[in-house]
Amino acid sequence: MTPTRSLRVASYNLHKCRGLTGPHAPERNLQVIADLRADIVALQEVDFRFGARPEALPRRMIQDMTGMVPAPHLTTSEQSLGWHGQTILLRPDLAQVASVRRLPLPGIEPRGALALRLAELTVVVVHLGLARSSRRAQLARLAAKAARIGGQRFILTGDFNEWHDDRGLESLSGLDVLAPGPSWPAPFPQLRYDRMALSAGIAVLDSGVHDSPLARRASDHLPIWVDIAL
């Protein structure tokens, strides 16, 4: 009988490491990431928004503070850590066998997703648009792409920018959509913006929102996480 292994996957919108109103303090976000004790962390808003979009999360600090490394991929610019603000951190041993694809997305605003491929799992990180029409189009493309790339084991996760449970998520009807709890705004969470959509081939062991005093100061979002069986 094959032993069951578990993997923790988390999603975290860093809000450019500025907390709700500032100042820029990436060490807070990195400590929150370390506290998650995750194997894979899908990040959003890792870069500043304008100009060359330089990294808001300094890459030189990541491994020292978290033990994780960024998945290798083509970034938005030479100064960026992510692509359209997204990047994925993972354990160094997983990074050695990982590959990453960039997925351009439709919509009014420039948006894109990253797909991390491992032997047993594909994780797609996304930050959906502000307009519901754009979000619907983006989710439709992502659901189709993820099924082709990841087969029966994939997780689509990130900031969905959708506060309703029954609107805008129609393209995910064949997936297990998980919103562990309110994650925004972090100081007094009310809305479930952060979600995961899991394919049928994944067994969920546990899930939650990482709510701590530090997490409530470090970003305007709280991280979410899921433990899955492999």
Protein backbone atom coordinates (compact mmCIF):
# COMPACT_ATOMS: atom_id res chain seq x y z
CA MET A 1 0.00 0.00 0.00
CA THR A 2 1.44 3.39 -1.04
CA PRO A 3 1.87 5.77 1.93
CA THR A 4 -0.04 9.05 1.78
CA ARG A 5 2.02 12.26 1.66
CA SER A 6 0.61 15.67 2.38
CA LEU A 7 1.48 18.99 0.80
CA ARG A 8 0.56 22.45 2.01
CA VAL A 9 -0.28 25.03 -0.66
CA ALA A 10 -0.90 28.66 0.35
CA SER A 11 -1.97 31.84 -1.41
CA TYR A 12 -1.08 35.35 -0.25
CA ASN A 13 -1.66 38.81 -1.73
CA LEU A 14 1.24 40.89 -0.37
CA HIS A 15 -0.21 44.31 -1.29
CA LYS A 16 3.32 45.35 -2.30
CA CYS A 17 4.50 44.71 1.28
CA ARG A 18 2.90 47.94 2.49
CA GLY A 19 0.32 46.61 4.92
CA LEU A 20 -3.00 48.43 4.70
CA THR A 21 -1.54 51.94 4.50
CA GLY A 22 2.27 51.59 4.72
CA PRO A 23 5.17 51.72 5.27
CA HIS A 24 6.96 49.28 2.95
CA ALA A 25 8.13 46.51 5.31
CA PRO A 26 8.73 43.22 3.45
CA GLU A 27 10.26 41.54 6.51
CA ARG A 28 6.73 41.36 7.96
CA ASN A 29 5.40 39.53 4.92
CA LEU A 30 8.34 37.15 4.87
CA GLN A 31 7.75 36.25 8.51
CA VAL A 32 4.09 35.55 7.72
CA ILE A 33 5.19 33.31 4.84
CA ALA A 34 7.57 31.47 7.17
CA ASP A 35 4.77 31.06 9.72
CA LEU A 36 2.58 29.37 7.08
CA ARG A 37 4.97 26.38 6.97
CA ALA A 38 3.86 25.75 3.40
CA ASP A 39 5.55 23.76 0.66
CA ILE A 40 4.26 26.06 -2.10
CA VAL A 41 3.12 29.69 -1.72
CA ALA A 42 1.36 31.46 -4.60
CA LEU A 43 1.97 35.20 -4.25
CA GLN A 44 0.25 38.22 -5.72
CA GLU A 45 1.35 41.90 -5.82
CA VAL A 46 5.04 41.10 -5.33
CA ASP A 47 6.11 44.06 -7.50
CA PHE A 48 5.42 47.77 -7.46
CA ARG A 49 2.90 48.74 -10.08
CA PHE A 50 4.43 51.52 -12.18
CA GLY A 51 7.50 52.17 -14.31
CA ALA A 52 9.84 49.19 -14.48
CA ARG A 53 7.70 47.49 -11.81
CA PRO A 54 10.61 46.78 -9.45
CA GLU A 55 10.25 44.04 -6.87
CA ALA A 56 8.44 44.97 -3.67
CA LEU A 57 9.49 41.66 -2.10
CA PRO A 58 13.33 41.65 -2.15
CA ARG A 59 14.50 38.33 -3.56
CA ARG A 60 17.76 38.47 -1.57
CA MET A 61 15.75 38.14 1.67
CA ILE A 62 13.45 35.29 0.69
CA GLN A 63 15.49 32.16 1.35
CA ASP A 64 17.15 33.51 4.49
CA MET A 65 13.81 34.31 6.13
CA THR A 66 11.57 31.54 4.78
CA GLY A 67 13.78 28.68 3.53
CA MET A 68 11.93 28.92 0.19
CA VAL A 69 13.02 30.04 -3.28
CA PRO A 70 11.15 31.70 -6.17
CA ALA A 71 10.18 29.37 -8.99
CA PRO A 72 12.24 30.32 -12.07
CA HIS A 73 10.28 32.12 -14.78
CA LEU A 74 10.46 35.10 -17.12
CA THR A 75 9.52 38.18 -15.10
CA THR A 76 7.77 41.38 -16.21
CA SER A 77 11.08 43.27 -16.32
CA GLU A 78 14.68 42.89 -15.17
CA GLN A 79 13.72 44.65 -11.93
CA SER A 80 10.62 42.52 -11.25
CA LEU A 81 10.22 39.41 -9.14
CA GLY A 82 6.90 38.40 -10.68
CA TRP A 83 4.90 38.42 -13.88
CA HIS A 84 1.91 40.78 -13.72
CA GLY A 85 2.66 40.79 -9.99
CA GLN A 86 2.51 37.01 -9.50
CA THR A 87 5.27 34.67 -8.41
CA ILE A 88 5.47 31.30 -6.64
CA LEU A 89 7.74 30.33 -3.76
CA LEU A 90 8.49 26.69 -3.02
CA ARG A 91 10.85 24.40 -1.18
CA PRO A 92 14.28 24.23 -2.88
CA ASP A 93 13.95 20.48 -3.55
CA LEU A 94 10.66 21.10 -5.37
CA ALA A 95 12.14 24.00 -7.33
CA GLN A 96 14.75 21.63 -8.82
CA VAL A 97 12.04 19.62 -10.59
CA ALA A 98 9.55 22.45 -11.33
CA SER A 99 8.73 24.23 -14.56
CA VAL A 100 6.69 27.42 -14.94
CA ARG A 101 4.52 28.69 -17.78
CA ARG A 102 3.16 32.21 -18.25
CA LEU A 103 -0.54 32.40 -19.15
CA PRO A 104 -1.72 35.69 -20.70
CA LEU A 105 -5.30 36.58 -19.77
CA PRO A 106 -8.06 38.61 -21.45
CA GLY A 107 -9.70 41.63 -19.86
CA ILE A 108 -9.80 45.40 -19.61
CA GLU A 109 -6.60 45.54 -17.51
CA PRO A 110 -3.31 43.79 -18.29
CA ARG A 111 -3.41 40.50 -16.35
CA GLY A 112 -1.57 37.19 -16.43
CA ALA A 113 -1.21 33.96 -14.49
CA LEU A 114 1.67 31.59 -13.73
CA ALA A 115 1.36 27.81 -13.90
CA LEU A 116 3.82 25.82 -11.79
CA ARG A 117 4.18 22.21 -12.94
CA LEU A 118 5.42 19.40 -10.70
CA ALA A 119 5.28 15.66 -11.35
CA GLU A 120 2.18 15.20 -9.18
CA LEU A 121 0.57 18.64 -9.15
CA THR A 122 0.09 21.86 -11.11
CA VAL A 123 -0.53 25.12 -9.24
CA VAL A 124 -1.82 28.18 -11.11
CA VAL A 125 -1.60 31.57 -9.39
CA VAL A 126 -3.75 34.48 -10.53
CA HIS A 127 -4.95 37.93 -9.52
CA LEU A 128 -8.24 38.42 -11.33
CA GLY A 129 -9.46 41.73 -12.77
CA LEU A 130 -11.66 44.33 -11.10
CA ALA A 131 -14.50 44.02 -13.63
CA ARG A 132 -16.70 40.94 -13.32
CA SER A 133 -16.90 40.57 -17.11
CA SER A 134 -13.09 40.35 -17.18
CA ARG A 135 -13.01 37.91 -14.28
CA ARG A 136 -15.47 35.60 -16.03
CA ALA A 137 -13.39 35.60 -19.21
CA GLN A 138 -10.18 35.06 -17.25
CA LEU A 139 -11.60 32.15 -15.23
CA ALA A 140 -12.98 30.51 -18.37
CA ARG A 141 -9.55 30.59 -20.00
CA LEU A 142 -7.77 29.47 -16.83
CA ALA A 143 -10.08 26.53 -16.18
CA ALA A 144 -9.52 25.26 -19.72
CA LYS A 145 -5.74 25.85 -19.63
CA ALA A 146 -5.31 24.28 -16.20
CA ALA A 147 -7.15 21.12 -17.25
CA ARG A 148 -4.90 20.76 -20.31
CA ILE A 149 -1.68 21.49 -18.40
CA GLY A 150 -2.42 19.80 -15.08
CA GLY A 151 -4.66 16.90 -16.01
CA GLN A 152 -6.50 15.55 -12.96
CA ARG A 153 -4.39 17.28 -10.31
CA PHE A 154 -4.32 21.05 -10.39
CA ILE A 155 -5.07 23.96 -8.07
CA LEU A 156 -6.10 27.39 -9.32
CA THR A 157 -5.54 29.94 -6.56
CA GLY A 158 -5.10 33.62 -5.80
CA ASP A 159 -7.01 36.82 -5.27
CA PHE A 160 -10.26 36.28 -7.18
CA ASN A 161 -11.52 39.85 -6.46
CA GLU A 162 -15.00 38.31 -6.17
CA TRP A 163 -17.03 38.69 -2.97
CA HIS A 164 -20.04 36.60 -4.08
CA ASP A 165 -20.09 32.82 -3.83
CA ASP A 166 -22.72 32.39 -6.56
CA ARG A 167 -21.71 34.94 -9.20
CA GLY A 168 -18.77 35.15 -11.57
CA LEU A 169 -17.47 31.66 -10.82
CA GLU A 170 -19.53 29.75 -13.37
CA SER A 171 -16.46 28.43 -15.22
CA LEU A 172 -15.38 26.61 -12.07
CA SER A 173 -18.54 24.50 -11.77
CA GLY A 174 -16.59 21.27 -12.29
CA LEU A 175 -14.05 22.10 -9.58
CA ASP A 176 -14.09 22.15 -5.79
CA VAL A 177 -14.04 25.89 -5.00
CA LEU A 178 -12.60 26.49 -1.56
CA ALA A 179 -12.85 29.81 0.31
CA PRO A 180 -11.68 28.94 3.84
CA GLY A 181 -12.96 32.16 5.37
CA PRO A 182 -12.90 35.97 5.23
CA SER A 183 -9.46 37.22 4.22
CA TRP A 184 -10.01 40.92 3.36
CA PRO A 185 -9.47 43.50 4.71
CA ALA A 186 -6.82 41.94 6.93
CA PRO A 187 -7.30 44.13 10.05
CA PHE A 188 -11.01 43.20 10.22
CA PRO A 189 -11.65 40.49 7.61
CA GLN A 190 -15.15 40.46 6.13
CA LEU A 191 -14.96 39.22 2.52
CA ARG A 192 -13.70 36.00 0.95
CA TYR A 193 -11.66 37.37 -1.94
CA ASP A 194 -8.98 34.67 -1.74
CA ARG A 195 -9.92 31.25 -3.05
CA MET A 196 -8.67 27.94 -4.38
CA ALA A 197 -10.31 25.82 -7.07
CA LEU A 198 -9.19 22.18 -6.94
CA SER A 199 -9.61 19.48 -9.53
CA ALA A 200 -11.39 16.23 -8.72
CA GLY A 201 -8.13 14.29 -8.40
CA ILE A 202 -7.09 16.12 -5.21
CA ALA A 203 -8.12 15.11 -1.68
CA VAL A 204 -8.36 17.97 0.83
CA LEU A 205 -7.16 17.16 4.34
CA ASP A 206 -7.57 20.60 5.94
CA SER A 207 -7.72 24.29 5.05
CA GLY A 208 -7.84 27.67 6.71
CA VAL A 209 -7.08 31.37 6.84
CA HIS A 210 -3.80 32.32 8.51
CA ASP A 211 -4.96 34.97 10.96
CA SER A 212 -2.34 36.37 13.32
CA PRO A 213 -1.56 39.84 14.71
CA LEU A 214 1.40 40.11 12.33
CA ALA A 215 -0.62 38.95 9.29
CA ARG A 216 -3.22 41.63 10.06
CA ARG A 217 -0.49 44.31 9.80
CA ALA A 218 1.63 42.92 6.96
CA SER A 219 -0.90 43.18 4.07
CA ASP A 220 -4.49 44.09 3.32
CA HIS A 221 -5.14 40.35 2.71
CA LEU A 222 -4.71 37.39 5.04
CA PRO A 223 -3.12 34.27 3.51
CA ILE A 224 -5.16 31.13 2.90
CA TRP A 225 -3.85 27.56 2.85
CA VAL A 226 -4.88 23.98 2.08
CA ASP A 227 -3.35 20.64 3.02
CA ILE A 228 -3.79 18.03 0.28
CA ALA A 229 -3.05 14.33 0.10
CA LEU A 230 -0.78 12.89 -2.56
